[in-house]
Amino acid sequence: MQQRNLHFDSLYTVRSLKENLCYVALDYEAELSKNTEASYEVAAAGWFTLAQERFQTGEILFQPRIAGMRAMGLHQAVALCIDHCYAAELTADESWFKTIVLSGGTACLPGVAERLEKELHNLVHPSIADRIKVIPPPYGADSAWYGAKLISNLSTFPNSWCITKKEFRSKSRRNLV
């Protein structure tokens, strides 16, 4: 967006455009040849028209170098974790690392789950590739909070993981000193 001299006065404007216009392309190269222009009006900021920025924003997850970052793409990082779990033979039941549940605001971009699943099928061991399933955030950007709520209400949830507000503050003060 900076390349087209699009400047924004607030993060609200950026978030609104991302949530209403942006998506992740299943095939980035094919998407580049399409007309993807769309407009959206952001309250108190006016109308904005985006074209390739609509899917290039999400492509940064898979090709961080587009944004000038030297890092693994999301699919590469997840594949590395799956490979480590598979190689470690931690359990006979491999289903726990074959189901990937996304959470957070950017994970809500349309197409991110499908693209991640497609990319993982090309990266992980062939014996598990077909059984990998990526699930988009079931509760949108609040999925992590809902998941934590569900887990904390289980009878098997270890109470040793929990601390009171008073204990947290006490630990925080000790760490500052």
N, C-alpha and C. Protein backbone atom coordinates (compact mmCIF):
# COMPACT_ATOMS: atom_id res chain seq x y z
N MET A 1 0.82 -1.18 0.00
CA MET A 1 0.00 0.00 0.00
C MET A 1 0.86 1.25 0.00
N GLN A 2 2.01 1.16 0.65
CA GLN A 2 2.93 2.30 0.64
C GLN A 2 3.47 2.54 -0.77
N GLN A 3 3.63 1.48 -1.57
CA GLN A 3 4.11 1.63 -2.94
C GLN A 3 3.13 2.43 -3.79
N ARG A 4 1.84 2.38 -3.46
CA ARG A 4 0.83 3.15 -4.18
C ARG A 4 0.51 4.47 -3.47
N ASN A 5 1.36 4.84 -2.51
CA ASN A 5 1.18 6.07 -1.74
C ASN A 5 -0.15 6.13 -1.01
N LEU A 6 -0.60 4.98 -0.52
CA LEU A 6 -1.80 4.94 0.32
C LEU A 6 -1.35 5.11 1.76
N HIS A 7 -1.81 6.17 2.38
CA HIS A 7 -1.43 6.45 3.77
C HIS A 7 -2.69 6.46 4.62
N PHE A 8 -2.53 6.01 5.85
CA PHE A 8 -3.68 5.87 6.74
C PHE A 8 -3.44 6.65 8.01
N ASP A 9 -4.50 7.27 8.50
CA ASP A 9 -4.40 8.08 9.71
C ASP A 9 -4.52 7.25 10.98
N SER A 10 -5.08 6.04 10.85
CA SER A 10 -5.29 5.26 12.07
C SER A 10 -5.18 3.76 11.79
N LEU A 11 -4.90 3.02 12.85
CA LEU A 11 -4.89 1.57 12.74
C LEU A 11 -6.30 1.04 12.51
N TYR A 12 -7.30 1.80 12.94
CA TYR A 12 -8.68 1.42 12.70
C TYR A 12 -8.95 1.30 11.19
N THR A 13 -8.44 2.24 10.43
CA THR A 13 -8.61 2.21 8.98
C THR A 13 -7.94 0.99 8.38
N VAL A 14 -6.72 0.73 8.79
CA VAL A 14 -5.98 -0.43 8.28
C VAL A 14 -6.71 -1.71 8.63
N ARG A 15 -7.14 -1.85 9.87
CA ARG A 15 -7.86 -3.05 10.31
C ARG A 15 -9.17 -3.22 9.54
N SER A 16 -9.89 -2.13 9.36
CA SER A 16 -11.16 -2.20 8.62
C SER A 16 -10.94 -2.68 7.19
N LEU A 17 -9.91 -2.16 6.53
CA LEU A 17 -9.61 -2.59 5.17
C LEU A 17 -9.19 -4.05 5.14
N LYS A 18 -8.36 -4.45 6.09
CA LYS A 18 -7.92 -5.84 6.14
C LYS A 18 -9.11 -6.78 6.35
N GLU A 19 -9.96 -6.43 7.29
CA GLU A 19 -11.08 -7.31 7.63
C GLU A 19 -12.16 -7.36 6.55
N ASN A 20 -12.26 -6.32 5.72
CA ASN A 20 -13.35 -6.26 4.75
C ASN A 20 -12.93 -6.45 3.30
N LEU A 21 -11.65 -6.28 3.00
CA LEU A 21 -11.21 -6.41 1.61
C LEU A 21 -10.13 -7.47 1.36
N CYS A 22 -9.34 -7.78 2.37
CA CYS A 22 -8.18 -8.64 2.15
C CYS A 22 -8.52 -10.11 2.26
N TYR A 23 -7.68 -10.92 1.62
CA TYR A 23 -7.83 -12.38 1.62
C TYR A 23 -6.51 -13.01 1.27
N VAL A 24 -6.43 -14.33 1.39
CA VAL A 24 -5.24 -15.09 1.02
C VAL A 24 -5.58 -15.87 -0.24
N ALA A 25 -4.75 -15.73 -1.25
CA ALA A 25 -4.97 -16.43 -2.52
C ALA A 25 -4.51 -17.88 -2.39
N LEU A 26 -5.30 -18.78 -2.95
CA LEU A 26 -4.90 -20.19 -2.97
C LEU A 26 -3.69 -20.39 -3.87
N ASP A 27 -3.64 -19.63 -4.98
CA ASP A 27 -2.52 -19.67 -5.91
C ASP A 27 -2.08 -18.23 -6.16
N TYR A 28 -1.03 -17.81 -5.50
CA TYR A 28 -0.58 -16.42 -5.56
C TYR A 28 -0.25 -15.98 -6.98
N GLU A 29 0.50 -16.79 -7.71
CA GLU A 29 0.91 -16.43 -9.07
C GLU A 29 -0.31 -16.24 -9.97
N ALA A 30 -1.28 -17.12 -9.88
CA ALA A 30 -2.49 -17.00 -10.69
C ALA A 30 -3.28 -15.76 -10.32
N GLU A 31 -3.29 -15.42 -9.05
CA GLU A 31 -4.06 -14.25 -8.57
C GLU A 31 -3.47 -12.95 -9.12
N LEU A 32 -2.16 -12.93 -9.36
CA LEU A 32 -1.52 -11.72 -9.87
C LEU A 32 -2.07 -11.30 -11.23
N SER A 33 -2.56 -12.24 -12.01
CA SER A 33 -3.06 -11.92 -13.35
C SER A 33 -4.55 -11.57 -13.38
N LYS A 34 -5.21 -11.59 -12.22
CA LYS A 34 -6.64 -11.29 -12.14
C LYS A 34 -6.89 -9.83 -11.77
N ASN A 35 -8.07 -9.35 -12.13
CA ASN A 35 -8.51 -8.04 -11.68
C ASN A 35 -9.17 -8.23 -10.32
N THR A 36 -8.52 -7.78 -9.28
CA THR A 36 -9.00 -8.01 -7.91
C THR A 36 -9.43 -6.71 -7.23
N GLU A 37 -9.60 -5.66 -8.01
CA GLU A 37 -9.92 -4.36 -7.44
C GLU A 37 -11.27 -4.37 -6.72
N ALA A 38 -11.29 -3.78 -5.54
CA ALA A 38 -12.52 -3.65 -4.75
C ALA A 38 -12.39 -2.40 -3.88
N SER A 39 -13.52 -1.84 -3.54
CA SER A 39 -13.54 -0.62 -2.72
C SER A 39 -14.33 -0.85 -1.44
N TYR A 40 -13.97 -0.03 -0.45
CA TYR A 40 -14.66 -0.11 0.84
C TYR A 40 -14.62 1.27 1.48
N GLU A 41 -15.72 1.64 2.12
CA GLU A 41 -15.76 2.91 2.83
C GLU A 41 -15.53 2.69 4.31
N VAL A 42 -14.53 3.36 4.83
CA VAL A 42 -14.22 3.30 6.25
C VAL A 42 -14.82 4.56 6.88
N ALA A 43 -15.60 4.36 7.93
CA ALA A 43 -16.25 5.48 8.61
C ALA A 43 -15.22 6.53 9.01
N ALA A 44 -15.51 7.76 8.73
CA ALA A 44 -14.70 8.93 9.07
C ALA A 44 -13.35 8.98 8.35
N ALA A 45 -13.09 8.03 7.44
CA ALA A 45 -11.82 8.05 6.71
C ALA A 45 -12.04 8.10 5.19
N GLY A 46 -13.22 7.70 4.73
CA GLY A 46 -13.52 7.78 3.31
C GLY A 46 -13.43 6.44 2.59
N TRP A 47 -13.48 6.54 1.26
CA TRP A 47 -13.43 5.35 0.40
C TRP A 47 -11.99 5.00 0.05
N PHE A 48 -11.73 3.68 0.04
CA PHE A 48 -10.42 3.17 -0.35
C PHE A 48 -10.62 2.09 -1.39
N THR A 49 -9.76 2.09 -2.39
CA THR A 49 -9.80 1.06 -3.42
C THR A 49 -8.48 0.32 -3.40
N LEU A 50 -8.57 -0.99 -3.26
CA LEU A 50 -7.38 -1.84 -3.25
C LEU A 50 -7.47 -2.81 -4.42
N ALA A 51 -6.34 -3.22 -4.92
CA ALA A 51 -6.30 -4.22 -6.00
C ALA A 51 -5.45 -5.40 -5.51
N GLN A 52 -4.23 -5.49 -5.99
CA GLN A 52 -3.37 -6.61 -5.59
C GLN A 52 -3.03 -6.58 -4.10
N GLU A 53 -3.13 -5.42 -3.50
CA GLU A 53 -2.87 -5.31 -2.05
C GLU A 53 -3.81 -6.21 -1.26
N ARG A 54 -4.97 -6.48 -1.82
CA ARG A 54 -5.97 -7.30 -1.14
C ARG A 54 -5.42 -8.68 -0.78
N PHE A 55 -4.65 -9.29 -1.68
CA PHE A 55 -4.11 -10.62 -1.39
C PHE A 55 -2.62 -10.60 -1.07
N GLN A 56 -1.93 -9.51 -1.42
CA GLN A 56 -0.52 -9.41 -1.07
C GLN A 56 -0.33 -9.25 0.43
N THR A 57 -1.30 -8.64 1.08
CA THR A 57 -1.25 -8.48 2.54
C THR A 57 -1.17 -9.84 3.22
N GLY A 58 -2.03 -10.77 2.81
CA GLY A 58 -2.02 -12.11 3.39
C GLY A 58 -0.86 -12.96 2.91
N GLU A 59 -0.34 -12.66 1.73
CA GLU A 59 0.77 -13.44 1.18
C GLU A 59 2.03 -13.31 2.03
N ILE A 60 2.12 -12.24 2.80
CA ILE A 60 3.28 -12.04 3.67
C ILE A 60 3.41 -13.20 4.67
N LEU A 61 2.28 -13.82 5.04
CA LEU A 61 2.34 -14.98 5.93
C LEU A 61 3.13 -16.12 5.31
N PHE A 62 3.05 -16.25 3.99
CA PHE A 62 3.69 -17.36 3.29
C PHE A 62 5.02 -16.97 2.63
N GLN A 63 5.16 -15.69 2.31
CA GLN A 63 6.40 -15.18 1.72
C GLN A 63 6.81 -13.91 2.46
N PRO A 64 7.37 -14.04 3.64
CA PRO A 64 7.73 -12.86 4.44
C PRO A 64 8.70 -11.90 3.74
N ARG A 65 9.45 -12.41 2.78
CA ARG A 65 10.41 -11.55 2.08
C ARG A 65 9.71 -10.41 1.31
N ILE A 66 8.44 -10.60 0.98
CA ILE A 66 7.68 -9.53 0.32
C ILE A 66 7.69 -8.27 1.18
N ALA A 67 7.67 -8.45 2.48
CA ALA A 67 7.69 -7.32 3.42
C ALA A 67 9.10 -7.00 3.90
N GLY A 68 10.09 -7.61 3.27
CA GLY A 68 11.48 -7.35 3.65
C GLY A 68 11.95 -8.10 4.88
N MET A 69 11.23 -9.15 5.26
CA MET A 69 11.62 -9.92 6.44
C MET A 69 12.32 -11.21 6.03
N ARG A 70 13.35 -11.56 6.78
CA ARG A 70 14.04 -12.83 6.55
C ARG A 70 13.54 -13.80 7.61
N ALA A 71 12.52 -14.57 7.23
CA ALA A 71 11.92 -15.51 8.17
C ALA A 71 11.25 -16.63 7.38
N MET A 72 10.94 -17.71 8.09
CA MET A 72 10.19 -18.80 7.48
C MET A 72 8.76 -18.34 7.25
N GLY A 73 8.14 -18.90 6.24
CA GLY A 73 6.73 -18.68 6.04
C GLY A 73 5.95 -19.49 7.07
N LEU A 74 4.70 -19.14 7.26
CA LEU A 74 3.84 -19.85 8.21
C LEU A 74 3.82 -21.34 7.90
N HIS A 75 3.65 -21.70 6.64
CA HIS A 75 3.57 -23.10 6.24
C HIS A 75 4.86 -23.85 6.54
N GLN A 76 5.99 -23.19 6.38
CA GLN A 76 7.28 -23.82 6.66
C GLN A 76 7.47 -24.05 8.16
N ALA A 77 7.07 -23.08 8.98
CA ALA A 77 7.19 -23.22 10.43
C ALA A 77 6.29 -24.33 10.95
N VAL A 78 5.05 -24.40 10.45
CA VAL A 78 4.13 -25.44 10.88
C VAL A 78 4.63 -26.81 10.41
N ALA A 79 5.11 -26.89 9.18
CA ALA A 79 5.63 -28.16 8.65
C ALA A 79 6.83 -28.65 9.48
N LEU A 80 7.67 -27.72 9.89
CA LEU A 80 8.83 -28.09 10.72
C LEU A 80 8.36 -28.68 12.05
N CYS A 81 7.35 -28.09 12.66
CA CYS A 81 6.80 -28.62 13.92
C CYS A 81 6.20 -30.01 13.70
N ILE A 82 5.45 -30.18 12.62
CA ILE A 82 4.85 -31.48 12.33
C ILE A 82 5.93 -32.53 12.11
N ASP A 83 6.96 -32.17 11.35
CA ASP A 83 8.05 -33.11 11.09
C ASP A 83 8.75 -33.53 12.37
N HIS A 84 8.98 -32.58 13.28
CA HIS A 84 9.62 -32.90 14.56
C HIS A 84 8.75 -33.84 15.38
N CYS A 85 7.46 -33.58 15.43
CA CYS A 85 6.53 -34.44 16.18
C CYS A 85 6.48 -35.84 15.56
N TYR A 86 6.43 -35.90 14.26
CA TYR A 86 6.37 -37.18 13.55
C TYR A 86 7.65 -37.98 13.80
N ALA A 87 8.80 -37.32 13.68
CA ALA A 87 10.08 -38.00 13.86
C ALA A 87 10.29 -38.46 15.30
N ALA A 88 9.76 -37.71 16.25
CA ALA A 88 9.95 -38.04 17.66
C ALA A 88 9.11 -39.23 18.11
N GLU A 89 8.10 -39.59 17.31
CA GLU A 89 7.20 -40.70 17.65
C GLU A 89 6.72 -40.57 19.10
N LEU A 90 6.23 -39.39 19.42
CA LEU A 90 5.81 -39.10 20.79
C LEU A 90 4.66 -39.98 21.26
N THR A 91 3.80 -40.35 20.34
CA THR A 91 2.65 -41.16 20.70
C THR A 91 2.20 -41.95 19.47
N ALA A 92 1.51 -43.03 19.71
CA ALA A 92 1.00 -43.83 18.59
C ALA A 92 -0.13 -43.10 17.88
N ASP A 93 -0.81 -42.20 18.59
CA ASP A 93 -1.90 -41.44 18.01
C ASP A 93 -1.36 -40.14 17.43
N GLU A 94 -1.25 -40.08 16.11
CA GLU A 94 -0.68 -38.90 15.44
C GLU A 94 -1.73 -37.82 15.17
N SER A 95 -2.97 -38.07 15.51
CA SER A 95 -4.03 -37.12 15.16
C SER A 95 -3.86 -35.76 15.84
N TRP A 96 -3.20 -35.73 16.97
CA TRP A 96 -3.09 -34.48 17.71
C TRP A 96 -2.24 -33.44 16.99
N PHE A 97 -1.31 -33.86 16.13
CA PHE A 97 -0.56 -32.86 15.39
C PHE A 97 -0.95 -32.79 13.92
N LYS A 98 -1.99 -33.49 13.54
CA LYS A 98 -2.49 -33.42 12.17
C LYS A 98 -3.68 -32.49 12.05
N THR A 99 -4.20 -32.04 13.16
CA THR A 99 -5.29 -31.08 13.15
C THR A 99 -4.74 -29.75 13.65
N ILE A 100 -4.79 -28.75 12.79
CA ILE A 100 -4.24 -27.44 13.11
C ILE A 100 -5.39 -26.46 13.20
N VAL A 101 -5.58 -25.88 14.37
CA VAL A 101 -6.66 -24.91 14.58
C VAL A 101 -6.03 -23.53 14.64
N LEU A 102 -6.45 -22.68 13.73
CA LEU A 102 -5.92 -21.32 13.67
C LEU A 102 -6.66 -20.42 14.64
N SER A 103 -5.99 -19.38 15.11
CA SER A 103 -6.65 -18.39 15.96
C SER A 103 -6.00 -17.04 15.73
N GLY A 104 -6.71 -16.01 16.11
CA GLY A 104 -6.20 -14.66 15.96
C GLY A 104 -6.82 -13.94 14.78
N GLY A 105 -6.69 -12.64 14.76
CA GLY A 105 -7.32 -11.81 13.75
C GLY A 105 -6.88 -12.12 12.32
N THR A 106 -5.59 -12.24 12.08
CA THR A 106 -5.10 -12.49 10.72
C THR A 106 -5.50 -13.87 10.24
N ALA A 107 -5.66 -14.82 11.14
CA ALA A 107 -6.10 -16.16 10.76
C ALA A 107 -7.53 -16.15 10.24
N CYS A 108 -8.24 -15.06 10.45
CA CYS A 108 -9.62 -14.93 9.96
C CYS A 108 -9.69 -14.50 8.50
N LEU A 109 -8.55 -14.17 7.91
CA LEU A 109 -8.57 -13.78 6.50
C LEU A 109 -9.13 -14.93 5.67
N PRO A 110 -10.09 -14.64 4.80
CA PRO A 110 -10.61 -15.71 3.94
C PRO A 110 -9.48 -16.35 3.13
N GLY A 111 -9.47 -17.67 3.11
CA GLY A 111 -8.49 -18.40 2.32
C GLY A 111 -7.25 -18.85 3.05
N VAL A 112 -6.99 -18.34 4.25
CA VAL A 112 -5.74 -18.69 4.94
C VAL A 112 -5.69 -20.18 5.31
N ALA A 113 -6.79 -20.74 5.78
CA ALA A 113 -6.80 -22.15 6.18
C ALA A 113 -6.58 -23.05 4.96
N GLU A 114 -7.26 -22.74 3.86
CA GLU A 114 -7.13 -23.55 2.65
C GLU A 114 -5.72 -23.48 2.09
N ARG A 115 -5.13 -22.29 2.11
CA ARG A 115 -3.77 -22.13 1.57
C ARG A 115 -2.76 -22.84 2.45
N LEU A 116 -2.91 -22.74 3.77
CA LEU A 116 -1.98 -23.41 4.67
C LEU A 116 -2.05 -24.92 4.48
N GLU A 117 -3.26 -25.44 4.37
CA GLU A 117 -3.42 -26.88 4.15
C GLU A 117 -2.78 -27.31 2.83
N LYS A 118 -2.99 -26.54 1.79
CA LYS A 118 -2.39 -26.85 0.48
C LYS A 118 -0.86 -26.86 0.57
N GLU A 119 -0.30 -25.85 1.19
CA GLU A 119 1.16 -25.75 1.29
C GLU A 119 1.73 -26.87 2.16
N LEU A 120 1.03 -27.24 3.22
CA LEU A 120 1.52 -28.30 4.10
C LEU A 120 1.54 -29.64 3.38
N HIS A 121 0.57 -29.88 2.52
CA HIS A 121 0.54 -31.14 1.77
C HIS A 121 1.78 -31.31 0.91
N ASN A 122 2.39 -30.20 0.50
CA ASN A 122 3.60 -30.25 -0.32
C ASN A 122 4.88 -30.35 0.51
N LEU A 123 4.78 -30.10 1.81
CA LEU A 123 5.98 -30.02 2.64
C LEU A 123 6.20 -31.18 3.60
N VAL A 124 5.13 -31.77 4.11
CA VAL A 124 5.29 -32.79 5.15
C VAL A 124 5.42 -34.18 4.54
N HIS A 125 5.78 -35.12 5.39
CA HIS A 125 5.97 -36.51 4.99
C HIS A 125 4.70 -37.02 4.29
N PRO A 126 4.86 -37.66 3.13
CA PRO A 126 3.69 -38.11 2.36
C PRO A 126 2.73 -39.02 3.13
N SER A 127 3.23 -39.78 4.10
CA SER A 127 2.35 -40.69 4.84
C SER A 127 1.34 -39.96 5.73
N ILE A 128 1.62 -38.70 6.04
CA ILE A 128 0.67 -37.95 6.88
C ILE A 128 0.04 -36.77 6.15
N ALA A 129 0.56 -36.41 4.99
CA ALA A 129 0.10 -35.22 4.28
C ALA A 129 -1.40 -35.23 4.01
N ASP A 130 -1.94 -36.36 3.60
CA ASP A 130 -3.36 -36.42 3.24
C ASP A 130 -4.28 -36.36 4.44
N ARG A 131 -3.75 -36.56 5.62
CA ARG A 131 -4.59 -36.56 6.81
C ARG A 131 -4.52 -35.25 7.59
N ILE A 132 -3.77 -34.29 7.08
CA ILE A 132 -3.66 -33.00 7.75
C ILE A 132 -4.91 -32.16 7.46
N LYS A 133 -5.44 -31.55 8.51
CA LYS A 133 -6.63 -30.72 8.38
C LYS A 133 -6.38 -29.40 9.10
N VAL A 134 -6.58 -28.29 8.39
CA VAL A 134 -6.43 -26.96 8.98
C VAL A 134 -7.83 -26.38 9.17
N ILE A 135 -8.11 -25.97 10.39
CA ILE A 135 -9.44 -25.46 10.74
C ILE A 135 -9.35 -23.95 10.98
N PRO A 136 -10.17 -23.16 10.28
CA PRO A 136 -10.15 -21.72 10.51
C PRO A 136 -10.68 -21.40 11.90
N PRO A 137 -10.42 -20.20 12.39
CA PRO A 137 -10.87 -19.84 13.74
C PRO A 137 -12.39 -19.95 13.88
N PRO A 138 -12.86 -20.91 14.68
CA PRO A 138 -14.31 -21.11 14.80
C PRO A 138 -15.04 -19.93 15.44
N TYR A 139 -14.35 -19.15 16.26
CA TYR A 139 -14.97 -17.99 16.91
C TYR A 139 -14.29 -16.69 16.49
N GLY A 140 -13.76 -16.69 15.28
CA GLY A 140 -13.10 -15.49 14.76
C GLY A 140 -11.86 -15.15 15.56
N ALA A 141 -11.62 -13.87 15.71
CA ALA A 141 -10.42 -13.40 16.40
C ALA A 141 -10.39 -13.79 17.87
N ASP A 142 -11.53 -14.19 18.45
CA ASP A 142 -11.60 -14.54 19.87
C ASP A 142 -11.43 -16.04 20.13
N SER A 143 -11.04 -16.81 19.13
CA SER A 143 -10.95 -18.27 19.27
C SER A 143 -10.01 -18.71 20.38
N ALA A 144 -8.88 -18.03 20.53
CA ALA A 144 -7.93 -18.42 21.57
C ALA A 144 -8.57 -18.30 22.95
N TRP A 145 -9.35 -17.24 23.16
CA TRP A 145 -10.00 -17.03 24.45
C TRP A 145 -11.06 -18.11 24.71
N TYR A 146 -11.83 -18.44 23.68
CA TYR A 146 -12.84 -19.49 23.84
C TYR A 146 -12.18 -20.84 24.11
N GLY A 147 -11.08 -21.12 23.41
CA GLY A 147 -10.36 -22.37 23.64
C GLY A 147 -9.83 -22.47 25.05
N ALA A 148 -9.25 -21.38 25.54
CA ALA A 148 -8.74 -21.37 26.91
C ALA A 148 -9.86 -21.56 27.91
N LYS A 149 -11.00 -20.96 27.64
CA LYS A 149 -12.15 -21.10 28.54
C LYS A 149 -12.60 -22.56 28.59
N LEU A 150 -12.68 -23.20 27.42
CA LEU A 150 -13.10 -24.61 27.38
C LEU A 150 -12.12 -25.51 28.13
N ILE A 151 -10.83 -25.32 27.88
CA ILE A 151 -9.82 -26.16 28.52
C ILE A 151 -9.81 -25.95 30.03
N SER A 152 -9.93 -24.71 30.46
CA SER A 152 -9.86 -24.44 31.90
C SER A 152 -11.06 -25.02 32.64
N ASN A 153 -12.16 -25.28 31.95
CA ASN A 153 -13.34 -25.85 32.60
C ASN A 153 -13.34 -27.38 32.62
N LEU A 154 -12.35 -28.01 32.00
CA LEU A 154 -12.28 -29.46 32.02
C LEU A 154 -11.88 -29.97 33.40
N SER A 155 -12.43 -31.08 33.81
CA SER A 155 -12.08 -31.64 35.12
C SER A 155 -10.63 -32.11 35.16
N THR A 156 -10.06 -32.38 33.99
CA THR A 156 -8.67 -32.86 33.93
C THR A 156 -7.66 -31.71 33.83
N PHE A 157 -8.14 -30.47 33.81
CA PHE A 157 -7.24 -29.32 33.71
C PHE A 157 -6.42 -29.21 35.00
N PRO A 158 -5.09 -29.19 34.87
CA PRO A 158 -4.26 -29.13 36.09
C PRO A 158 -4.32 -27.77 36.77
N ASN A 159 -4.76 -27.78 38.00
CA ASN A 159 -4.84 -26.53 38.77
C ASN A 159 -3.47 -25.91 38.99
N SER A 160 -2.42 -26.71 38.89
CA SER A 160 -1.08 -26.18 39.10
C SER A 160 -0.70 -25.16 38.02
N TRP A 161 -1.43 -25.14 36.91
CA TRP A 161 -1.16 -24.17 35.85
C TRP A 161 -1.73 -22.80 36.18
N CYS A 162 -2.60 -22.75 37.16
CA CYS A 162 -3.30 -21.50 37.48
C CYS A 162 -2.67 -20.81 38.68
N ILE A 163 -2.67 -19.50 38.64
CA ILE A 163 -2.23 -18.71 39.78
C ILE A 163 -3.24 -17.59 39.99
N THR A 164 -3.27 -17.08 41.19
CA THR A 164 -4.18 -15.98 41.51
C THR A 164 -3.56 -14.66 41.04
N LYS A 165 -4.37 -13.64 41.02
CA LYS A 165 -3.90 -12.31 40.65
C LYS A 165 -2.80 -11.86 41.62
N LYS A 166 -3.00 -12.17 42.91
CA LYS A 166 -2.02 -11.79 43.94
C LYS A 166 -0.68 -12.49 43.69
N GLU A 167 -0.72 -13.80 43.35
CA GLU A 167 0.51 -14.54 43.07
C GLU A 167 1.21 -13.99 41.83
N PHE A 168 0.43 -13.63 40.82
CA PHE A 168 0.99 -13.07 39.59
C PHE A 168 1.73 -11.77 39.88
N ARG A 169 1.08 -10.89 40.65
CA ARG A 169 1.70 -9.61 40.98
C ARG A 169 2.97 -9.80 41.80
N SER A 170 2.92 -10.77 42.73
CA SER A 170 4.09 -11.05 43.55
C SER A 170 5.26 -11.52 42.69
N LYS A 171 4.99 -12.42 41.76
CA LYS A 171 6.04 -12.90 40.85
C LYS A 171 6.55 -11.78 39.96
N SER A 172 5.67 -10.92 39.51
CA SER A 172 6.06 -9.81 38.65
C SER A 172 7.02 -8.87 39.37
N ARG A 173 6.70 -8.58 40.62
CA ARG A 173 7.57 -7.67 41.40
C ARG A 173 8.94 -8.29 41.62
N ARG A 174 8.98 -9.59 41.92
CA ARG A 174 10.26 -10.26 42.14
C ARG A 174 11.11 -10.24 40.87
N ASN A 175 10.48 -10.41 39.72
CA ASN A 175 11.22 -10.41 38.46
C ASN A 175 11.74 -9.03 38.08
N LEU A 176 11.09 -7.97 38.56
CA LEU A 176 11.55 -6.63 38.27
C LEU A 176 12.79 -6.29 39.07
N VAL A 177 12.91 -6.88 40.26
CA VAL A 177 14.05 -6.59 41.14
C VAL A 177 15.20 -7.38 40.70
